[in-house]
Full PDB file with SEQRES, HELIX, SHEET, SSBOND, CRYST1, ORIGX, SCALE, CONECT and MASTER records, all heavy atoms in Angstrom:
SEQRES   1 A   32  LYS TYR GLN LYS THR ARG VAL GLU THR PHE LEU ARG PRO          
SEQRES   2 A   32  GLU LYS ASP GLU LYS GLY THR GLY TRP HIS VAL THR GLN          
SEQRES   3 A   32  SER LYS ILE SER VAL GLY                                      
HELIX    1 AA1 TYR A    2  LEU A   11  1                                  10    
HELIX    2 AA2 PRO A   13  ASP A   16  5                                   4    
HELIX    3 AA3 TRP A   22  VAL A   31  1                                  10    
CRYST1    1.000    1.000    1.000  90.00  90.00  90.00 P 1           1          
ORIGX1      1.000000  0.000000  0.000000        0.00000                         
ORIGX2      0.000000  1.000000  0.000000        0.00000                         
ORIGX3      0.000000  0.000000  1.000000        0.00000                         
SCALE1      1.000000  0.000000  0.000000        0.00000                         
SCALE2      0.000000  1.000000  0.000000        0.00000                         
SCALE3      0.000000  0.000000  1.000000        0.00000                         
ATOM      1  N   LYS A   1     -63.194 -34.221 -17.519  1.00  0.00           N  
ATOM      2  CA  LYS A   1     -64.406 -33.960 -18.300  1.00  0.00           C  
ATOM      3  C   LYS A   1     -64.697 -32.476 -18.405  1.00  0.00           C  
ATOM      4  O   LYS A   1     -65.027 -31.968 -19.493  1.00  0.00           O  
ATOM      5  CB  LYS A   1     -65.597 -34.687 -17.667  1.00  0.00           C  
ATOM      6  CG  LYS A   1     -66.878 -34.554 -18.471  1.00  0.00           C  
ATOM      7  CD  LYS A   1     -68.019 -35.338 -17.827  1.00  0.00           C  
ATOM      8  CE  LYS A   1     -69.305 -35.172 -18.635  1.00  0.00           C  
ATOM      9  NZ  LYS A   1     -70.431 -35.924 -18.026  1.00  0.00           N  
ATOM     10  N   TYR A   2     -64.584 -31.730 -17.277  1.00  0.00           N  
ATOM     11  CA  TYR A   2     -64.931 -30.315 -17.320  1.00  0.00           C  
ATOM     12  C   TYR A   2     -63.905 -29.529 -18.146  1.00  0.00           C  
ATOM     13  O   TYR A   2     -64.248 -28.525 -18.793  1.00  0.00           O  
ATOM     14  CB  TYR A   2     -65.071 -29.739 -15.908  1.00  0.00           C  
ATOM     15  CG  TYR A   2     -63.841 -29.134 -15.310  1.00  0.00           C  
ATOM     16  CD1 TYR A   2     -63.614 -27.758 -15.361  1.00  0.00           C  
ATOM     17  CD2 TYR A   2     -62.878 -29.923 -14.681  1.00  0.00           C  
ATOM     18  CE1 TYR A   2     -62.487 -27.186 -14.817  1.00  0.00           C  
ATOM     19  CE2 TYR A   2     -61.744 -29.361 -14.130  1.00  0.00           C  
ATOM     20  CZ  TYR A   2     -61.549 -28.000 -14.197  1.00  0.00           C  
ATOM     21  OH  TYR A   2     -60.427 -27.439 -13.659  1.00  0.00           O  
ATOM     22  N   GLN A   3     -62.634 -29.996 -18.169  1.00  0.00           N  
ATOM     23  CA  GLN A   3     -61.621 -29.325 -18.989  1.00  0.00           C  
ATOM     24  C   GLN A   3     -61.883 -29.568 -20.471  1.00  0.00           C  
ATOM     25  O   GLN A   3     -61.717 -28.668 -21.300  1.00  0.00           O  
ATOM     26  CB  GLN A   3     -60.228 -29.823 -18.598  1.00  0.00           C  
ATOM     27  CG  GLN A   3     -59.767 -29.306 -17.239  1.00  0.00           C  
ATOM     28  CD  GLN A   3     -58.445 -29.901 -16.813  1.00  0.00           C  
ATOM     29  OE1 GLN A   3     -58.145 -31.070 -17.088  1.00  0.00           O  
ATOM     30  NE2 GLN A   3     -57.630 -29.115 -16.132  1.00  0.00           N  
ATOM     31  N   LYS A   4     -62.306 -30.788 -20.815  1.00  0.00           N  
ATOM     32  CA  LYS A   4     -62.670 -31.081 -22.206  1.00  0.00           C  
ATOM     33  C   LYS A   4     -63.834 -30.206 -22.646  1.00  0.00           C  
ATOM     34  O   LYS A   4     -63.871 -29.705 -23.775  1.00  0.00           O  
ATOM     35  CB  LYS A   4     -63.035 -32.554 -22.350  1.00  0.00           C  
ATOM     36  CG  LYS A   4     -61.861 -33.512 -22.258  1.00  0.00           C  
ATOM     37  CD  LYS A   4     -62.320 -34.952 -22.423  1.00  0.00           C  
ATOM     38  CE  LYS A   4     -61.152 -35.920 -22.326  1.00  0.00           C  
ATOM     39  NZ  LYS A   4     -61.589 -37.335 -22.463  1.00  0.00           N  
ATOM     40  N   THR A   5     -64.791 -30.023 -21.742  1.00  0.00           N  
ATOM     41  CA  THR A   5     -65.953 -29.180 -22.051  1.00  0.00           C  
ATOM     42  C   THR A   5     -65.519 -27.758 -22.347  1.00  0.00           C  
ATOM     43  O   THR A   5     -66.035 -27.109 -23.266  1.00  0.00           O  
ATOM     44  CB  THR A   5     -66.952 -29.204 -20.879  1.00  0.00           C  
ATOM     45  OG1 THR A   5     -67.378 -30.544 -20.647  1.00  0.00           O  
ATOM     46  CG2 THR A   5     -68.161 -28.332 -21.180  1.00  0.00           C  
ATOM     47  N   ARG A   6     -64.544 -27.262 -21.570  1.00  0.00           N  
ATOM     48  CA  ARG A   6     -64.052 -25.904 -21.795  1.00  0.00           C  
ATOM     49  C   ARG A   6     -63.389 -25.782 -23.161  1.00  0.00           C  
ATOM     50  O   ARG A   6     -63.552 -24.771 -23.862  1.00  0.00           O  
ATOM     51  CB  ARG A   6     -63.063 -25.511 -20.684  1.00  0.00           C  
ATOM     52  CG  ARG A   6     -63.752 -25.146 -19.379  1.00  0.00           C  
ATOM     53  CD  ARG A   6     -62.739 -24.683 -18.355  1.00  0.00           C  
ATOM     54  NE  ARG A   6     -63.416 -24.103 -17.186  1.00  0.00           N  
ATOM     55  CZ  ARG A   6     -62.778 -23.595 -16.146  1.00  0.00           C  
ATOM     56  NH1 ARG A   6     -61.458 -23.605 -16.098  1.00  0.00           N  
ATOM     57  NH2 ARG A   6     -63.457 -23.081 -15.132  1.00  0.00           N  
ATOM     58  N   VAL A   7     -62.620 -26.792 -23.547  1.00  0.00           N  
ATOM     59  CA  VAL A   7     -61.963 -26.770 -24.854  1.00  0.00           C  
ATOM     60  C   VAL A   7     -63.007 -26.790 -25.968  1.00  0.00           C  
ATOM     61  O   VAL A   7     -62.922 -26.028 -26.941  1.00  0.00           O  
ATOM     62  CB  VAL A   7     -60.996 -27.967 -25.002  1.00  0.00           C  
ATOM     63  CG1 VAL A   7     -60.451 -28.030 -26.426  1.00  0.00           C  
ATOM     64  CG2 VAL A   7     -59.851 -27.855 -24.003  1.00  0.00           C  
ATOM     65  N   GLU A   8     -64.012 -27.658 -25.826  1.00  0.00           N  
ATOM     66  CA  GLU A   8     -65.068 -27.760 -26.842  1.00  0.00           C  
ATOM     67  C   GLU A   8     -65.867 -26.464 -26.927  1.00  0.00           C  
ATOM     68  O   GLU A   8     -66.254 -26.022 -28.018  1.00  0.00           O  
ATOM     69  CB  GLU A   8     -65.978 -28.943 -26.517  1.00  0.00           C  
ATOM     70  CG  GLU A   8     -65.297 -30.298 -26.690  1.00  0.00           C  
ATOM     71  CD  GLU A   8     -66.033 -31.422 -25.996  1.00  0.00           C  
ATOM     72  OE1 GLU A   8     -67.119 -31.155 -25.423  1.00  0.00           O  
ATOM     73  OE2 GLU A   8     -65.524 -32.554 -26.010  1.00  0.00           O  
ATOM     74  N   THR A   9     -66.099 -25.852 -25.780  1.00  0.00           N  
ATOM     75  CA  THR A   9     -66.819 -24.573 -25.751  1.00  0.00           C  
ATOM     76  C   THR A   9     -66.002 -23.489 -26.438  1.00  0.00           C  
ATOM     77  O   THR A   9     -66.542 -22.640 -27.148  1.00  0.00           O  
ATOM     78  CB  THR A   9     -67.118 -24.161 -24.300  1.00  0.00           C  
ATOM     79  OG1 THR A   9     -67.932 -25.163 -23.689  1.00  0.00           O  
ATOM     80  CG2 THR A   9     -67.828 -22.818 -24.239  1.00  0.00           C  
ATOM     81  N   PHE A  10     -64.695 -23.519 -26.214  1.00  0.00           N  
ATOM     82  CA  PHE A  10     -63.800 -22.549 -26.858  1.00  0.00           C  
ATOM     83  C   PHE A  10     -63.855 -22.680 -28.375  1.00  0.00           C  
ATOM     84  O   PHE A  10     -63.945 -21.683 -29.100  1.00  0.00           O  
ATOM     85  CB  PHE A  10     -62.372 -22.767 -26.359  1.00  0.00           C  
ATOM     86  CG  PHE A  10     -61.318 -22.152 -27.226  1.00  0.00           C  
ATOM     87  CD1 PHE A  10     -61.254 -20.781 -27.396  1.00  0.00           C  
ATOM     88  CD2 PHE A  10     -60.381 -22.957 -27.867  1.00  0.00           C  
ATOM     89  CE1 PHE A  10     -60.277 -20.203 -28.196  1.00  0.00           C  
ATOM     90  CE2 PHE A  10     -59.405 -22.396 -28.667  1.00  0.00           C  
ATOM     91  CZ  PHE A  10     -59.351 -21.015 -28.840  1.00  0.00           C  
ATOM     92  N   LEU A  11     -63.836 -23.906 -28.872  1.00  0.00           N  
ATOM     93  CA  LEU A  11     -63.827 -24.131 -30.310  1.00  0.00           C  
ATOM     94  C   LEU A  11     -65.175 -23.832 -30.956  1.00  0.00           C  
ATOM     95  O   LEU A  11     -65.231 -23.287 -32.053  1.00  0.00           O  
ATOM     96  CB  LEU A  11     -63.412 -25.583 -30.606  1.00  0.00           C  
ATOM     97  CG  LEU A  11     -61.968 -25.947 -30.213  1.00  0.00           C  
ATOM     98  CD1 LEU A  11     -61.723 -27.430 -30.414  1.00  0.00           C  
ATOM     99  CD2 LEU A  11     -60.965 -25.122 -31.022  1.00  0.00           C  
ATOM    100  N   ARG A  12     -66.259 -24.177 -30.237  1.00  0.00           N  
ATOM    101  CA  ARG A  12     -67.597 -23.964 -30.814  1.00  0.00           C  
ATOM    102  C   ARG A  12     -68.580 -23.508 -29.732  1.00  0.00           C  
ATOM    103  O   ARG A  12     -69.456 -24.268 -29.314  1.00  0.00           O  
ATOM    104  CB  ARG A  12     -68.095 -25.257 -31.472  1.00  0.00           C  
ATOM    105  CG  ARG A  12     -67.274 -25.702 -32.675  1.00  0.00           C  
ATOM    106  CD  ARG A  12     -67.883 -26.956 -33.301  1.00  0.00           C  
ATOM    107  NE  ARG A  12     -69.228 -26.700 -33.820  1.00  0.00           N  
ATOM    108  CZ  ARG A  12     -70.041 -27.662 -34.262  1.00  0.00           C  
ATOM    109  NH1 ARG A  12     -69.656 -28.925 -34.233  1.00  0.00           N  
ATOM    110  NH2 ARG A  12     -71.237 -27.353 -34.714  1.00  0.00           N  
ATOM    111  N   PRO A  13     -68.447 -22.259 -29.265  1.00  0.00           N  
ATOM    112  CA  PRO A  13     -69.354 -21.782 -28.202  1.00  0.00           C  
ATOM    113  C   PRO A  13     -70.814 -21.737 -28.634  1.00  0.00           C  
ATOM    114  O   PRO A  13     -71.715 -21.884 -27.821  1.00  0.00           O  
ATOM    115  CB  PRO A  13     -68.825 -20.371 -27.891  1.00  0.00           C  
ATOM    116  CG  PRO A  13     -68.051 -19.974 -29.097  1.00  0.00           C  
ATOM    117  CD  PRO A  13     -67.475 -21.237 -29.656  1.00  0.00           C  
ATOM    118  N   GLU A  14     -71.025 -21.527 -29.936  1.00  0.00           N  
ATOM    119  CA  GLU A  14     -72.403 -21.445 -30.440  1.00  0.00           C  
ATOM    120  C   GLU A  14     -73.119 -22.797 -30.398  1.00  0.00           C  
ATOM    121  O   GLU A  14     -74.351 -22.861 -30.503  1.00  0.00           O  
ATOM    122  CB  GLU A  14     -72.406 -20.906 -31.877  1.00  0.00           C  
ATOM    123  CG  GLU A  14     -71.844 -21.844 -32.930  1.00  0.00           C  
ATOM    124  CD  GLU A  14     -70.318 -21.894 -32.973  1.00  0.00           C  
ATOM    125  OE1 GLU A  14     -69.685 -21.103 -32.239  1.00  0.00           O  
ATOM    126  OE2 GLU A  14     -69.786 -22.720 -33.728  1.00  0.00           O  
ATOM    127  N   LYS A  15     -72.357 -23.879 -30.241  1.00  0.00           N  
ATOM    128  CA  LYS A  15     -72.943 -25.214 -30.191  1.00  0.00           C  
ATOM    129  C   LYS A  15     -73.871 -25.370 -28.988  1.00  0.00           C  
ATOM    130  O   LYS A  15     -74.844 -26.122 -29.032  1.00  0.00           O  
ATOM    131  CB  LYS A  15     -71.826 -26.262 -30.148  1.00  0.00           C  
ATOM    132  CG  LYS A  15     -72.314 -27.701 -30.201  1.00  0.00           C  
ATOM    133  CD  LYS A  15     -71.133 -28.662 -30.172  1.00  0.00           C  
ATOM    134  CE  LYS A  15     -71.611 -30.104 -30.162  1.00  0.00           C  
ATOM    135  NZ  LYS A  15     -70.481 -31.067 -30.120  1.00  0.00           N  
ATOM    136  N   ASP A  16     -73.549 -24.651 -27.914  1.00  0.00           N  
ATOM    137  CA  ASP A  16     -74.366 -24.748 -26.699  1.00  0.00           C  
ATOM    138  C   ASP A  16     -74.444 -23.366 -26.058  1.00  0.00           C  
ATOM    139  O   ASP A  16     -73.934 -23.149 -24.958  1.00  0.00           O  
ATOM    140  CB  ASP A  16     -73.760 -25.782 -25.746  1.00  0.00           C  
ATOM    141  CG  ASP A  16     -74.662 -26.077 -24.545  1.00  0.00           C  
ATOM    142  OD1 ASP A  16     -75.839 -25.665 -24.589  1.00  0.00           O  
ATOM    143  OD2 ASP A  16     -74.199 -26.702 -23.569  1.00  0.00           O  
ATOM    144  N   GLU A  17     -75.069 -22.437 -26.764  1.00  0.00           N  
ATOM    145  CA  GLU A  17     -75.102 -21.038 -26.318  1.00  0.00           C  
ATOM    146  C   GLU A  17     -75.758 -20.864 -24.958  1.00  0.00           C  
ATOM    147  O   GLU A  17     -75.388 -19.978 -24.191  1.00  0.00           O  
ATOM    148  CB  GLU A  17     -75.843 -20.174 -27.343  1.00  0.00           C  
ATOM    149  CG  GLU A  17     -75.050 -19.906 -28.600  1.00  0.00           C  
ATOM    150  CD  GLU A  17     -75.749 -18.930 -29.518  1.00  0.00           C  
ATOM    151  OE1 GLU A  17     -76.914 -18.607 -29.230  1.00  0.00           O  
ATOM    152  OE2 GLU A  17     -75.150 -18.491 -30.507  1.00  0.00           O  
ATOM    153  N   LYS A  18     -76.742 -21.686 -24.656  1.00  0.00           N  
ATOM    154  CA  LYS A  18     -77.463 -21.544 -23.392  1.00  0.00           C  
ATOM    155  C   LYS A  18     -76.926 -22.462 -22.305  1.00  0.00           C  
ATOM    156  O   LYS A  18     -77.459 -22.491 -21.200  1.00  0.00           O  
ATOM    157  CB  LYS A  18     -78.953 -21.809 -23.618  1.00  0.00           C  
ATOM    158  CG  LYS A  18     -79.605 -20.774 -24.532  1.00  0.00           C  
ATOM    159  CD  LYS A  18     -81.103 -20.991 -24.666  1.00  0.00           C  
ATOM    160  CE  LYS A  18     -81.727 -19.924 -25.551  1.00  0.00           C  
ATOM    161  NZ  LYS A  18     -83.193 -20.118 -25.710  1.00  0.00           N  
ATOM    162  N   GLY A  19     -75.864 -23.192 -22.635  1.00  0.00           N  
ATOM    163  CA  GLY A  19     -75.257 -24.091 -21.651  1.00  0.00           C  
ATOM    164  C   GLY A  19     -73.804 -23.731 -21.433  1.00  0.00           C  
ATOM    165  O   GLY A  19     -73.484 -22.656 -20.930  1.00  0.00           O  
ATOM    166  N   THR A  20     -72.908 -24.629 -21.872  1.00  0.00           N  
ATOM    167  CA  THR A  20     -71.475 -24.424 -21.630  1.00  0.00           C  
ATOM    168  C   THR A  20     -70.900 -23.235 -22.383  1.00  0.00           C  
ATOM    169  O   THR A  20     -69.854 -22.701 -22.007  1.00  0.00           O  
ATOM    170  CB  THR A  20     -70.694 -25.695 -22.004  1.00  0.00           C  
ATOM    171  OG1 THR A  20     -70.984 -26.032 -23.384  1.00  0.00           O  
ATOM    172  CG2 THR A  20     -71.076 -26.865 -21.106  1.00  0.00           C  
ATOM    173  N   GLY A  21     -71.566 -22.830 -23.477  1.00  0.00           N  
ATOM    174  CA  GLY A  21     -71.071 -21.687 -24.247  1.00  0.00           C  
ATOM    175  C   GLY A  21     -71.615 -20.350 -23.789  1.00  0.00           C  
ATOM    176  O   GLY A  21     -71.291 -19.312 -24.384  1.00  0.00           O  
ATOM    177  N   TRP A  22     -72.424 -20.349 -22.724  1.00  0.00           N  
ATOM    178  CA  TRP A  22     -73.088 -19.133 -22.268  1.00  0.00           C  
ATOM    179  C   TRP A  22     -72.092 -18.044 -21.848  1.00  0.00           C  
ATOM    180  O   TRP A  22     -72.233 -16.880 -22.241  1.00  0.00           O  
ATOM    181  CB  TRP A  22     -74.016 -19.465 -21.101  1.00  0.00           C  
ATOM    182  CG  TRP A  22     -74.739 -18.291 -20.511  1.00  0.00           C  
ATOM    183  CD1 TRP A  22     -74.394 -17.587 -19.400  1.00  0.00           C  
ATOM    184  CD2 TRP A  22     -75.932 -17.674 -21.017  1.00  0.00           C  
ATOM    185  NE1 TRP A  22     -75.283 -16.575 -19.153  1.00  0.00           N  
ATOM    186  CE2 TRP A  22     -76.259 -16.607 -20.146  1.00  0.00           C  
ATOM    187  CE3 TRP A  22     -76.757 -17.921 -22.116  1.00  0.00           C  
ATOM    188  CZ2 TRP A  22     -77.358 -15.803 -20.337  1.00  0.00           C  
ATOM    189  CZ3 TRP A  22     -77.870 -17.111 -22.306  1.00  0.00           C  
ATOM    190  CH2 TRP A  22     -78.150 -16.063 -21.427  1.00  0.00           C  
ATOM    191  N   HIS A  23     -71.077 -18.422 -21.054  1.00  0.00           N  
ATOM    192  CA  HIS A  23     -70.120 -17.443 -20.546  1.00  0.00           C  
ATOM    193  C   HIS A  23     -69.454 -16.675 -21.690  1.00  0.00           C  
ATOM    194  O   HIS A  23     -69.441 -15.434 -21.704  1.00  0.00           O  
ATOM    195  CB  HIS A  23     -69.041 -18.132 -19.713  1.00  0.00           C  
ATOM    196  CG  HIS A  23     -69.524 -18.696 -18.418  1.00  0.00           C  
ATOM    197  ND1 HIS A  23     -70.433 -19.719 -18.357  1.00  0.00           N  
ATOM    198  CD2 HIS A  23     -69.202 -18.382 -17.134  1.00  0.00           C  
ATOM    199  CE1 HIS A  23     -70.671 -20.012 -17.084  1.00  0.00           C  
ATOM    200  NE2 HIS A  23     -69.935 -19.216 -16.325  1.00  0.00           N  
ATOM    201  N   VAL A  24     -68.882 -17.436 -22.622  1.00  0.00           N  
ATOM    202  CA  VAL A  24     -68.134 -16.806 -23.716  1.00  0.00           C  
ATOM    203  C   VAL A  24     -69.055 -15.993 -24.611  1.00  0.00           C  
ATOM    204  O   VAL A  24     -68.721 -14.867 -25.018  1.00  0.00           O  
ATOM    205  CB  VAL A  24     -67.400 -17.883 -24.546  1.00  0.00           C  
ATOM    206  CG1 VAL A  24     -66.702 -17.237 -25.743  1.00  0.00           C  
ATOM    207  CG2 VAL A  24     -66.387 -18.612 -23.687  1.00  0.00           C  
ATOM    208  N   THR A  25     -70.236 -16.522 -24.906  1.00  0.00           N  
ATOM    209  CA  THR A  25     -71.195 -15.812 -25.764  1.00  0.00           C  
ATOM    210  C   THR A  25     -71.589 -14.481 -25.151  1.00  0.00           C  
ATOM    211  O   THR A  25     -71.578 -13.431 -25.825  1.00  0.00           O  
ATOM    212  CB  THR A  25     -72.454 -16.672 -25.998  1.00  0.00           C  
ATOM    213  OG1 THR A  25     -72.075 -17.908 -26.606  1.00  0.00           O  
ATOM    214  CG2 THR A  25     -73.440 -15.949 -26.896  1.00  0.00           C  
ATOM    215  N   GLN A  26     -71.939 -14.491 -23.873  1.00  0.00           N  
ATOM    216  CA  GLN A  26     -72.348 -13.259 -23.199  1.00  0.00           C  
ATOM    217  C   GLN A  26     -71.186 -12.282 -23.048  1.00  0.00           C  
ATOM    218  O   GLN A  26     -71.369 -11.065 -23.121  1.00  0.00           O  
ATOM    219  CB  GLN A  26     -72.955 -13.579 -21.827  1.00  0.00           C  
ATOM    220  CG  GLN A  26     -74.249 -14.373 -21.889  1.00  0.00           C  
ATOM    221  CD  GLN A  26     -75.313 -13.684 -22.713  1.00  0.00           C  
ATOM    222  OE1 GLN A  26     -75.520 -12.479 -22.602  1.00  0.00           O  
ATOM    223  NE2 GLN A  26     -75.996 -14.449 -23.563  1.00  0.00           N  
ATOM    224  N   SER A  27     -69.972 -12.826 -22.851  1.00  0.00           N  
ATOM    225  CA  SER A  27     -68.800 -11.970 -22.751  1.00  0.00           C  
ATOM    226  C   SER A  27     -68.544 -11.246 -24.068  1.00  0.00           C  
ATOM    227  O   SER A  27     -68.269 -10.039 -24.082  1.00  0.00           O  
ATOM    228  CB  SER A  27     -67.572 -12.808 -22.366  1.00  0.00           C  
ATOM    229  OG  SER A  27     -66.413 -12.007 -22.318  1.00  0.00           O  
ATOM    230  N   LYS A  28     -68.658 -11.958 -25.171  1.00  0.00           N  
ATOM    231  CA  LYS A  28     -68.471 -11.333 -26.483  1.00  0.00           C  
ATOM    232  C   LYS A  28     -69.525 -10.260 -26.733  1.00  0.00           C  
ATOM    233  O   LYS A  28     -69.223  -9.188 -27.293  1.00  0.00           O  
ATOM    234  CB  LYS A  28     -68.554 -12.398 -27.581  1.00  0.00           C  
ATOM    235  CG  LYS A  28     -67.345 -13.309 -27.671  1.00  0.00           C  
ATOM    236  CD  LYS A  28     -67.534 -14.295 -28.823  1.00  0.00           C  
ATOM    237  CE  LYS A  28     -66.338 -15.186 -29.013  1.00  0.00           C  
ATOM    238  NZ  LYS A  28     -66.532 -16.140 -30.130  1.00  0.00           N  
ATOM    239  N   ILE A  29     -70.751 -10.529 -26.324  1.00  0.00           N  
ATOM    240  CA  ILE A  29     -71.820  -9.528 -26.472  1.00  0.00           C  
ATOM    241  C   ILE A  29     -71.474  -8.275 -25.670  1.00  0.00           C  
ATOM    242  O   ILE A  29     -71.644  -7.143 -26.143  1.00  0.00           O  
ATOM    243  CB  ILE A  29     -73.177 -10.109 -26.012  1.00  0.00           C  
ATOM    244  CG1 ILE A  29     -73.642 -11.200 -26.982  1.00  0.00           C  
ATOM    245  CG2 ILE A  29     -74.229  -9.009 -25.900  1.00  0.00           C  
ATOM    246  CD1 ILE A  29     -74.861 -11.970 -26.510  1.00  0.00           C  
ATOM    247  N   SER A  30     -70.968  -8.469 -24.448  1.00  0.00           N  
ATOM    248  CA  SER A  30     -70.592  -7.328 -23.591  1.00  0.00           C  
ATOM    249  C   SER A  30     -69.518  -6.483 -24.247  1.00  0.00           C  
ATOM    250  O   SER A  30     -69.618  -5.251 -24.309  1.00  0.00           O  
ATOM    251  CB  SER A  30     -70.088  -7.826 -22.234  1.00  0.00           C  
ATOM    252  OG  SER A  30     -71.099  -8.468 -21.513  1.00  0.00           O  
ATOM    253  N   VAL A  31     -68.478  -7.157 -24.729  1.00  0.00           N  
ATOM    254  CA  VAL A  31     -67.357  -6.436 -25.345  1.00  0.00           C  
ATOM    255  C   VAL A  31     -67.828  -5.692 -26.591  1.00  0.00           C  
ATOM    256  O   VAL A  31     -67.513  -4.511 -26.794  1.00  0.00           O  
ATOM    257  CB  VAL A  31     -66.210  -7.409 -25.694  1.00  0.00           C  
ATOM    258  CG1 VAL A  31     -65.115  -6.684 -26.478  1.00  0.00           C  
ATOM    259  CG2 VAL A  31     -65.628  -8.032 -24.424  1.00  0.00           C  
ATOM    260  N   GLY A  32     -68.615  -6.372 -27.420  1.00  0.00           N  
ATOM    261  CA  GLY A  32     -69.092  -5.745 -28.652  1.00  0.00           C  
ATOM    262  C   GLY A  32     -70.071  -4.614 -28.423  1.00  0.00           C  
ATOM    263  O   GLY A  32     -70.091  -3.629 -29.167  1.00  0.00           O  
TER     264      GLY A  32                                                      
MASTER        0    0    0    3    0    0    0    6  263    1    0    3          
END                                                                             
């Protein structure tokens, strides 16, 4: 289940920006 969540977050991080997509969203903000 947690691996599926990671794949879904990878494909659509904006779908859950404050949940499972938080890491990637904040990382992109840092880089940018």
